[in-house]
Amino acid sequence: MNKLISIGVSLLILLQGANIHLKDLVELGDLVEHYQFHNKEYGDSFMVFVSKHYGELKASHSEKHKEEQKDHDKLPFQHQSHCSIQHVFVVDSDNYITSDSEIPLVAKGNFHYQISYFLVWEDGPFQPPRHT
């Protein structure tokens, strides 16, 4: 059961990373059906079909064949996805490294060790660090 969940989550992450939605997988049947129509009517190969619906010939094909628009809307991978992230860089002449902060330049140790029992091996290799 854990393996199935792991495989499912991995596939979900892979598909989302490639921007493939579940709706696109459902619409693959419409893609095959529309390709068969183009192959029969126009004699298009698969690469020409992809170019007409997703590539360079998309605009001209949409203008020439407006009667197929309802079929074109059913094809998968037609969604638009935008990621709008704005990066802002501020360049200033002030030097941010030399600031008057209250951070001490010398760090003091924050541990204290006091032996509470006597060992036979006092200077052995397994002694805790000591602050001198």
N, C-alpha and C. Protein backbone atom coordinates (compact mmCIF):
# COMPACT_ATOMS: atom_id res chain seq x y z
N MET A 1 0.82 -1.19 0.00
CA MET A 1 0.00 0.00 0.00
C MET A 1 0.87 1.26 0.00
N ASN A 2 1.95 1.23 0.78
CA ASN A 2 2.85 2.38 0.81
C ASN A 2 3.49 2.62 -0.54
N LYS A 3 3.82 1.53 -1.26
CA LYS A 3 4.43 1.68 -2.58
C LYS A 3 3.45 2.32 -3.55
N LEU A 4 2.18 1.93 -3.48
CA LEU A 4 1.17 2.53 -4.37
C LEU A 4 1.01 4.02 -4.09
N ILE A 5 0.99 4.38 -2.83
CA ILE A 5 0.86 5.81 -2.47
C ILE A 5 2.10 6.56 -2.93
N SER A 6 3.27 5.98 -2.76
CA SER A 6 4.51 6.64 -3.20
C SER A 6 4.53 6.83 -4.70
N ILE A 7 4.13 5.81 -5.44
CA ILE A 7 4.10 5.92 -6.90
C ILE A 7 3.06 6.95 -7.34
N GLY A 8 1.91 6.95 -6.69
CA GLY A 8 0.87 7.92 -7.04
C GLY A 8 1.30 9.36 -6.80
N VAL A 9 1.91 9.60 -5.66
CA VAL A 9 2.37 10.96 -5.34
C VAL A 9 3.51 11.37 -6.29
N SER A 10 4.39 10.43 -6.62
CA SER A 10 5.47 10.72 -7.55
C SER A 10 4.93 11.07 -8.93
N LEU A 11 3.94 10.33 -9.40
CA LEU A 11 3.34 10.64 -10.70
C LEU A 11 2.63 11.99 -10.67
N LEU A 12 1.97 12.28 -9.57
CA LEU A 12 1.29 13.57 -9.44
C LEU A 12 2.29 14.72 -9.51
N ILE A 13 3.40 14.60 -8.81
CA ILE A 13 4.43 15.64 -8.84
C ILE A 13 5.04 15.76 -10.22
N LEU A 14 5.28 14.63 -10.89
CA LEU A 14 5.83 14.65 -12.24
C LEU A 14 4.88 15.34 -13.22
N LEU A 15 3.61 14.99 -13.17
CA LEU A 15 2.64 15.59 -14.09
C LEU A 15 2.45 17.08 -13.81
N GLN A 16 2.41 17.46 -12.56
CA GLN A 16 2.25 18.87 -12.25
C GLN A 16 3.50 19.67 -12.63
N GLY A 17 4.65 19.04 -12.52
CA GLY A 17 5.89 19.71 -12.93
C GLY A 17 5.93 19.93 -14.44
N ALA A 18 5.33 19.03 -15.20
CA ALA A 18 5.28 19.17 -16.66
C ALA A 18 4.04 19.95 -17.09
N ASN A 19 3.26 20.48 -16.15
CA ASN A 19 2.05 21.27 -16.39
C ASN A 19 1.00 20.45 -17.15
N ILE A 20 0.85 19.20 -16.77
CA ILE A 20 -0.17 18.33 -17.34
C ILE A 20 -1.23 18.13 -16.28
N HIS A 21 -2.47 18.50 -16.62
CA HIS A 21 -3.56 18.39 -15.67
C HIS A 21 -4.31 17.09 -15.90
N LEU A 22 -5.11 16.69 -14.94
CA LEU A 22 -5.92 15.48 -15.07
C LEU A 22 -6.91 15.62 -16.23
N LYS A 23 -7.40 16.83 -16.44
CA LYS A 23 -8.32 17.09 -17.54
C LYS A 23 -7.64 16.79 -18.88
N ASP A 24 -6.36 17.08 -19.00
CA ASP A 24 -5.63 16.79 -20.23
C ASP A 24 -5.57 15.29 -20.50
N LEU A 25 -5.39 14.50 -19.46
CA LEU A 25 -5.34 13.04 -19.64
C LEU A 25 -6.69 12.49 -20.06
N VAL A 26 -7.78 13.08 -19.56
CA VAL A 26 -9.12 12.66 -19.95
C VAL A 26 -9.38 13.02 -21.40
N GLU A 27 -8.86 14.15 -21.87
CA GLU A 27 -9.12 14.62 -23.23
C GLU A 27 -8.21 14.00 -24.28
N LEU A 28 -7.34 13.07 -23.91
CA LEU A 28 -6.47 12.43 -24.90
C LEU A 28 -7.26 11.66 -25.96
N GLY A 29 -8.42 11.12 -25.58
CA GLY A 29 -9.28 10.45 -26.56
C GLY A 29 -9.76 11.40 -27.64
N ASP A 30 -10.10 12.64 -27.26
CA ASP A 30 -10.51 13.65 -28.24
C ASP A 30 -9.35 14.01 -29.17
N LEU A 31 -8.14 14.01 -28.63
CA LEU A 31 -6.96 14.29 -29.45
C LEU A 31 -6.77 13.22 -30.52
N VAL A 32 -6.88 11.96 -30.13
CA VAL A 32 -6.72 10.86 -31.09
C VAL A 32 -7.83 10.90 -32.14
N GLU A 33 -9.05 11.16 -31.69
CA GLU A 33 -10.19 11.24 -32.62
C GLU A 33 -10.02 12.37 -33.62
N HIS A 34 -9.58 13.54 -33.15
CA HIS A 34 -9.39 14.68 -34.04
C HIS A 34 -8.22 14.45 -34.99
N TYR A 35 -7.17 13.76 -34.51
CA TYR A 35 -6.04 13.41 -35.38
C TYR A 35 -6.50 12.47 -36.50
N GLN A 36 -7.32 11.49 -36.16
CA GLN A 36 -7.82 10.57 -37.18
C GLN A 36 -8.66 11.30 -38.21
N PHE A 37 -9.45 12.30 -37.78
CA PHE A 37 -10.22 13.12 -38.70
C PHE A 37 -9.29 13.87 -39.65
N HIS A 38 -8.25 14.49 -39.12
CA HIS A 38 -7.30 15.23 -39.96
C HIS A 38 -6.55 14.31 -40.91
N ASN A 39 -6.21 13.13 -40.44
CA ASN A 39 -5.48 12.18 -41.28
C ASN A 39 -6.35 11.74 -42.45
N LYS A 40 -7.64 11.53 -42.20
CA LYS A 40 -8.55 11.07 -43.24
C LYS A 40 -8.93 12.19 -44.20
N GLU A 41 -9.27 13.37 -43.66
CA GLU A 41 -9.75 14.49 -44.49
C GLU A 41 -8.62 15.21 -45.24
N TYR A 42 -7.52 15.50 -44.55
CA TYR A 42 -6.47 16.34 -45.12
C TYR A 42 -5.18 15.57 -45.40
N GLY A 43 -5.07 14.34 -44.94
CA GLY A 43 -3.85 13.55 -45.15
C GLY A 43 -2.68 14.04 -44.31
N ASP A 44 -2.97 14.64 -43.17
CA ASP A 44 -1.91 15.19 -42.31
C ASP A 44 -1.20 14.08 -41.55
N SER A 45 0.11 14.20 -41.45
CA SER A 45 0.86 13.32 -40.55
C SER A 45 0.70 13.85 -39.13
N PHE A 46 1.20 13.10 -38.15
CA PHE A 46 1.04 13.52 -36.77
C PHE A 46 1.79 14.82 -36.49
N MET A 47 2.98 14.97 -37.09
CA MET A 47 3.76 16.20 -36.85
C MET A 47 3.07 17.42 -37.45
N VAL A 48 2.45 17.27 -38.62
CA VAL A 48 1.72 18.39 -39.22
C VAL A 48 0.49 18.70 -38.36
N PHE A 49 -0.17 17.66 -37.87
CA PHE A 49 -1.34 17.85 -36.99
C PHE A 49 -0.95 18.62 -35.73
N VAL A 50 0.16 18.24 -35.10
CA VAL A 50 0.62 18.94 -33.89
C VAL A 50 0.98 20.38 -34.22
N SER A 51 1.60 20.60 -35.36
CA SER A 51 1.96 21.96 -35.76
C SER A 51 0.71 22.81 -36.01
N LYS A 52 -0.34 22.20 -36.57
CA LYS A 52 -1.57 22.95 -36.85
C LYS A 52 -2.34 23.29 -35.57
N HIS A 53 -2.18 22.50 -34.53
CA HIS A 53 -2.98 22.74 -33.33
C HIS A 53 -2.19 23.28 -32.15
N TYR A 54 -0.87 23.13 -32.18
CA TYR A 54 -0.06 23.60 -31.06
C TYR A 54 1.17 24.40 -31.49
N GLY A 55 1.45 24.47 -32.78
CA GLY A 55 2.70 25.07 -33.21
C GLY A 55 2.54 26.26 -34.13
N GLU A 56 3.40 26.33 -35.14
CA GLU A 56 3.48 27.48 -36.02
C GLU A 56 2.23 27.69 -36.88
N LEU A 57 1.59 26.62 -37.28
CA LEU A 57 0.44 26.72 -38.19
C LEU A 57 -0.89 26.89 -37.46
N LYS A 58 -0.87 27.10 -36.17
CA LYS A 58 -2.10 27.18 -35.38
C LYS A 58 -2.98 28.35 -35.79
N ALA A 59 -2.39 29.53 -35.95
CA ALA A 59 -3.18 30.72 -36.28
C ALA A 59 -3.83 30.58 -37.65
N SER A 60 -3.08 30.14 -38.65
CA SER A 60 -3.64 30.01 -40.00
C SER A 60 -4.69 28.90 -40.05
N HIS A 61 -4.47 27.80 -39.34
CA HIS A 61 -5.44 26.71 -39.33
C HIS A 61 -6.74 27.14 -38.64
N SER A 62 -6.64 27.92 -37.57
CA SER A 62 -7.84 28.39 -36.87
C SER A 62 -8.66 29.33 -37.74
N GLU A 63 -7.99 30.17 -38.54
CA GLU A 63 -8.71 31.10 -39.42
C GLU A 63 -9.37 30.37 -40.59
N LYS A 64 -8.72 29.38 -41.15
CA LYS A 64 -9.26 28.67 -42.31
C LYS A 64 -10.41 27.73 -41.93
N HIS A 65 -10.35 27.15 -40.77
CA HIS A 65 -11.32 26.13 -40.38
C HIS A 65 -12.04 26.54 -39.10
N LYS A 66 -12.86 27.58 -39.20
CA LYS A 66 -13.60 28.06 -38.03
C LYS A 66 -14.72 27.09 -37.64
N GLU A 67 -15.16 26.25 -38.57
CA GLU A 67 -16.22 25.28 -38.25
C GLU A 67 -15.73 24.18 -37.30
N GLU A 68 -14.41 24.00 -37.22
CA GLU A 68 -13.84 23.00 -36.31
C GLU A 68 -13.50 23.58 -34.94
N GLN A 69 -13.87 24.81 -34.67
CA GLN A 69 -13.45 25.48 -33.43
C GLN A 69 -13.95 24.75 -32.19
N LYS A 70 -15.19 24.22 -32.27
CA LYS A 70 -15.71 23.49 -31.09
C LYS A 70 -14.91 22.22 -30.83
N ASP A 71 -14.39 21.58 -31.88
CA ASP A 71 -13.53 20.41 -31.71
C ASP A 71 -12.16 20.82 -31.18
N HIS A 72 -11.68 21.99 -31.61
CA HIS A 72 -10.36 22.47 -31.16
C HIS A 72 -10.39 22.83 -29.68
N ASP A 73 -11.54 23.30 -29.19
CA ASP A 73 -11.64 23.66 -27.78
C ASP A 73 -11.62 22.43 -26.88
N LYS A 74 -11.96 21.26 -27.42
CA LYS A 74 -11.97 20.03 -26.63
C LYS A 74 -10.58 19.38 -26.54
N LEU A 75 -9.63 19.84 -27.32
CA LEU A 75 -8.31 19.23 -27.33
C LEU A 75 -7.56 19.50 -26.02
N PRO A 76 -6.72 18.55 -25.59
CA PRO A 76 -5.95 18.77 -24.35
C PRO A 76 -4.81 19.76 -24.56
N PHE A 77 -4.23 20.18 -23.47
CA PHE A 77 -3.05 21.06 -23.43
C PHE A 77 -3.35 22.44 -24.03
N GLN A 78 -4.57 22.92 -23.88
CA GLN A 78 -4.94 24.24 -24.41
C GLN A 78 -4.94 25.31 -23.33
N HIS A 79 -4.68 24.96 -22.09
CA HIS A 79 -4.74 25.93 -21.00
C HIS A 79 -3.49 26.80 -20.98
N GLN A 80 -3.67 27.99 -20.49
CA GLN A 80 -2.57 28.93 -20.35
C GLN A 80 -2.19 29.00 -18.88
N SER A 81 -0.92 28.99 -18.61
CA SER A 81 -0.45 29.08 -17.24
C SER A 81 0.59 30.18 -17.16
N HIS A 82 0.38 31.09 -16.23
CA HIS A 82 1.32 32.20 -16.07
C HIS A 82 1.83 32.22 -14.64
N CYS A 83 3.06 32.50 -14.51
CA CYS A 83 3.67 32.66 -13.21
C CYS A 83 4.23 34.07 -13.14
N SER A 84 3.63 34.89 -12.34
CA SER A 84 4.08 36.28 -12.28
C SER A 84 4.81 36.54 -10.97
N ILE A 85 6.10 36.47 -11.06
CA ILE A 85 6.95 36.76 -9.91
C ILE A 85 7.80 37.97 -10.28
N GLN A 86 7.79 38.94 -9.44
CA GLN A 86 8.57 40.13 -9.72
C GLN A 86 9.79 40.14 -8.80
N HIS A 87 10.93 40.34 -9.41
CA HIS A 87 12.16 40.44 -8.65
C HIS A 87 12.56 41.90 -8.58
N VAL A 88 12.90 42.34 -7.41
CA VAL A 88 13.28 43.73 -7.21
C VAL A 88 14.69 43.75 -6.63
N PHE A 89 15.57 44.46 -7.30
CA PHE A 89 16.93 44.62 -6.82
C PHE A 89 17.15 46.09 -6.52
N VAL A 90 17.66 46.36 -5.33
CA VAL A 90 17.93 47.73 -4.92
C VAL A 90 19.44 47.89 -4.83
N VAL A 91 19.97 48.82 -5.60
CA VAL A 91 21.39 49.10 -5.56
C VAL A 91 21.54 50.47 -4.92
N ASP A 92 22.26 50.50 -3.82
CA ASP A 92 22.42 51.75 -3.09
C ASP A 92 23.90 51.94 -2.79
N SER A 93 24.30 53.18 -2.60
CA SER A 93 25.70 53.46 -2.36
C SER A 93 26.11 53.21 -0.90
N ASP A 94 25.15 53.03 -0.01
CA ASP A 94 25.48 52.76 1.40
C ASP A 94 26.10 51.38 1.53
N ASN A 95 27.02 51.30 2.44
CA ASN A 95 27.67 50.02 2.69
C ASN A 95 26.92 49.33 3.83
N TYR A 96 26.28 48.21 3.53
CA TYR A 96 25.48 47.52 4.53
C TYR A 96 26.33 46.63 5.44
N ILE A 97 27.57 46.37 5.06
CA ILE A 97 28.40 45.48 5.86
C ILE A 97 28.87 46.18 7.13
N THR A 98 29.21 47.43 7.03
CA THR A 98 29.67 48.17 8.21
C THR A 98 28.45 48.80 8.88
N SER A 99 27.86 48.09 9.76
CA SER A 99 26.71 48.63 10.48
C SER A 99 27.04 48.65 11.96
N ASP A 100 26.39 49.52 12.68
CA ASP A 100 26.60 49.62 14.12
C ASP A 100 25.59 48.70 14.81
N SER A 101 25.99 47.47 14.94
CA SER A 101 25.08 46.51 15.58
C SER A 101 25.59 46.22 16.99
N GLU A 102 24.76 45.56 17.73
CA GLU A 102 25.12 45.23 19.09
C GLU A 102 25.57 43.78 19.20
N ILE A 103 25.96 43.20 18.11
CA ILE A 103 26.43 41.83 18.12
C ILE A 103 27.90 41.84 18.52
N PRO A 104 28.26 41.11 19.56
CA PRO A 104 29.67 41.12 19.99
C PRO A 104 30.56 40.44 18.95
N LEU A 105 31.77 40.96 18.80
CA LEU A 105 32.69 40.40 17.84
C LEU A 105 33.39 39.17 18.39
N VAL A 106 33.52 39.05 19.71
CA VAL A 106 34.16 37.90 20.33
C VAL A 106 33.07 37.03 20.92
N ALA A 107 33.01 35.81 20.47
CA ALA A 107 31.98 34.90 20.98
C ALA A 107 32.51 34.18 22.21
N LYS A 108 31.73 34.16 23.24
CA LYS A 108 32.09 33.44 24.45
C LYS A 108 31.41 32.09 24.43
N GLY A 109 32.05 31.13 25.06
CA GLY A 109 31.44 29.80 25.13
C GLY A 109 30.20 29.83 26.01
N ASN A 110 29.22 29.08 25.63
CA ASN A 110 27.98 29.07 26.40
C ASN A 110 27.79 27.73 27.11
N PHE A 111 28.89 27.08 27.49
CA PHE A 111 28.77 25.84 28.22
C PHE A 111 29.67 25.89 29.46
N HIS A 112 29.29 25.10 30.41
CA HIS A 112 30.06 25.01 31.64
C HIS A 112 30.08 23.56 32.05
N TYR A 113 31.27 23.04 32.31
CA TYR A 113 31.40 21.64 32.67
C TYR A 113 32.14 21.55 33.99
N GLN A 114 31.53 20.88 34.91
CA GLN A 114 32.18 20.65 36.20
C GLN A 114 32.02 19.17 36.51
N ILE A 115 33.13 18.51 36.69
CA ILE A 115 33.09 17.08 36.95
C ILE A 115 32.53 16.83 38.34
N SER A 116 31.58 15.93 38.44
CA SER A 116 30.95 15.68 39.73
C SER A 116 31.34 14.33 40.30
N TYR A 117 32.19 13.60 39.63
CA TYR A 117 32.64 12.31 40.13
C TYR A 117 34.07 12.07 39.65
N PHE A 118 34.73 11.13 40.24
CA PHE A 118 36.12 10.86 39.93
C PHE A 118 36.21 9.65 39.01
N LEU A 119 36.97 9.81 37.93
CA LEU A 119 37.17 8.71 36.99
C LEU A 119 38.57 8.16 37.16
N VAL A 120 38.72 6.90 36.87
CA VAL A 120 40.04 6.29 36.91
C VAL A 120 40.88 6.84 35.75
N TRP A 121 40.25 6.99 34.60
CA TRP A 121 40.95 7.49 33.42
C TRP A 121 40.63 8.97 33.27
N GLU A 122 41.40 9.83 33.83
CA GLU A 122 41.08 11.26 33.82
C GLU A 122 41.30 11.92 32.48
N ASP A 123 42.37 11.59 31.79
CA ASP A 123 42.66 12.27 30.53
C ASP A 123 42.46 11.32 29.34
N GLY A 124 41.40 10.61 29.33
CA GLY A 124 41.11 9.68 28.25
C GLY A 124 40.58 10.39 27.01
N PRO A 125 40.37 9.66 25.95
CA PRO A 125 39.91 10.28 24.70
C PRO A 125 38.45 10.69 24.72
N PHE A 126 37.63 10.21 25.66
CA PHE A 126 36.20 10.50 25.66
C PHE A 126 35.82 11.51 26.71
N GLN A 127 36.57 12.58 26.82
CA GLN A 127 36.26 13.64 27.78
C GLN A 127 35.52 14.77 27.05
N PRO A 128 34.57 15.41 27.71
CA PRO A 128 33.87 16.54 27.08
C PRO A 128 34.79 17.74 26.94
N PRO A 129 34.46 18.65 26.04
CA PRO A 129 35.31 19.84 25.87
C PRO A 129 35.28 20.72 27.12
N ARG A 130 36.39 21.41 27.33
CA ARG A 130 36.49 22.30 28.49
C ARG A 130 36.86 23.69 28.03
N HIS A 131 36.28 24.65 28.68
CA HIS A 131 36.55 26.05 28.36
C HIS A 131 37.75 26.50 29.17
N THR A 132 38.79 26.99 28.51
CA THR A 132 40.00 27.41 29.24
C THR A 132 40.09 28.91 29.32
